[in-house]
Every structure is written in C-alpha cells, then in structure tokens.
Amino acid sequence: MKILNYKLSSTNELLTSRIGLITLAHTIQVLDLSKTIDQQPPLKIFL
C-alpha cells in the first residue's frame, strides 16, 4: 500500500466542495484503477 504524501497549509482562499476530487483522482492513479477496470470482462446487462 502506498501512502499519499499530502501537505496542507493555511490559506485565505475560498475552497469548494470539489476539493476532495483531487484526493480521489490521486488515489485512483496510485492504485492504477483504470488498468484494473480495463482487465475486467464486460458486464452483460439484460433489460
């Protein structure tokens, strides 16, 4: 398991609710999730 190296500092800038997307995107990249998803067989969906 890789530890994500984040350093947070104080700021007077406004933060939005989307700030957590950076962490999610980095986690997906570290876990190489796109490669794992590409290796899975397609799902059969019956409508």
Protein backbone atom coordinates (compact mmCIF):
# COMPACT_ATOMS: atom_id res chain seq x y z
CA MET A 1 0.00 0.00 0.00
CA LYS A 2 1.35 3.38 -0.94
CA ILE A 3 1.00 6.32 1.43
CA LEU A 4 -0.15 9.50 -0.24
CA ASN A 5 2.14 12.40 0.56
CA TYR A 6 -0.04 15.47 1.15
CA LYS A 7 0.96 18.64 2.91
CA LEU A 8 -1.78 21.05 3.88
CA SER A 9 -1.09 24.66 4.65
CA SER A 10 -3.23 27.59 5.71
CA THR A 11 -4.78 29.82 3.08
CA ASN A 12 -7.24 32.67 2.85
CA GLU A 13 -8.54 31.41 -0.49
CA LEU A 14 -12.03 30.00 -0.77
CA LEU A 15 -12.31 26.23 -1.04
CA THR A 16 -15.17 24.50 -2.78
CA SER A 17 -16.86 21.18 -2.13
CA ARG A 18 -14.92 19.79 -5.11
CA ILE A 19 -11.58 19.98 -3.28
CA GLY A 20 -11.91 16.29 -2.34
CA LEU A 21 -11.81 15.29 -6.02
CA ILE A 22 -8.05 15.89 -6.06
CA THR A 23 -7.57 13.24 -3.39
CA LEU A 24 -9.88 10.82 -5.19
CA ALA A 25 -8.14 11.34 -8.55
CA HIS A 26 -4.73 10.80 -6.98
CA THR A 27 -5.89 7.66 -5.19
CA ILE A 28 -7.25 6.23 -8.46
CA GLN A 29 -3.92 6.98 -10.12
CA VAL A 30 -1.85 5.43 -7.30
CA LEU A 31 -3.98 2.27 -7.27
CA ASP A 32 -3.78 2.09 -11.08
CA LEU A 33 -7.53 1.57 -11.01
CA SER A 34 -8.05 2.23 -14.72
CA LYS A 35 -5.80 -0.75 -15.55
CA THR A 36 -7.75 -2.98 -13.17
CA ILE A 37 -11.06 -1.90 -14.69
CA ASP A 38 -9.77 -2.49 -18.23
CA GLN A 39 -8.81 -6.06 -17.31
CA GLN A 40 -12.34 -6.96 -16.19
CA PRO A 41 -14.69 -8.66 -18.67
CA PRO A 42 -17.66 -6.56 -19.78
CA LEU A 43 -20.88 -6.98 -17.84
CA LYS A 44 -23.91 -8.44 -19.56
CA ILE A 45 -26.88 -6.23 -18.88
CA PHE A 46 -30.33 -7.59 -19.52
CA LEU A 47 -33.04 -5.01 -20.00
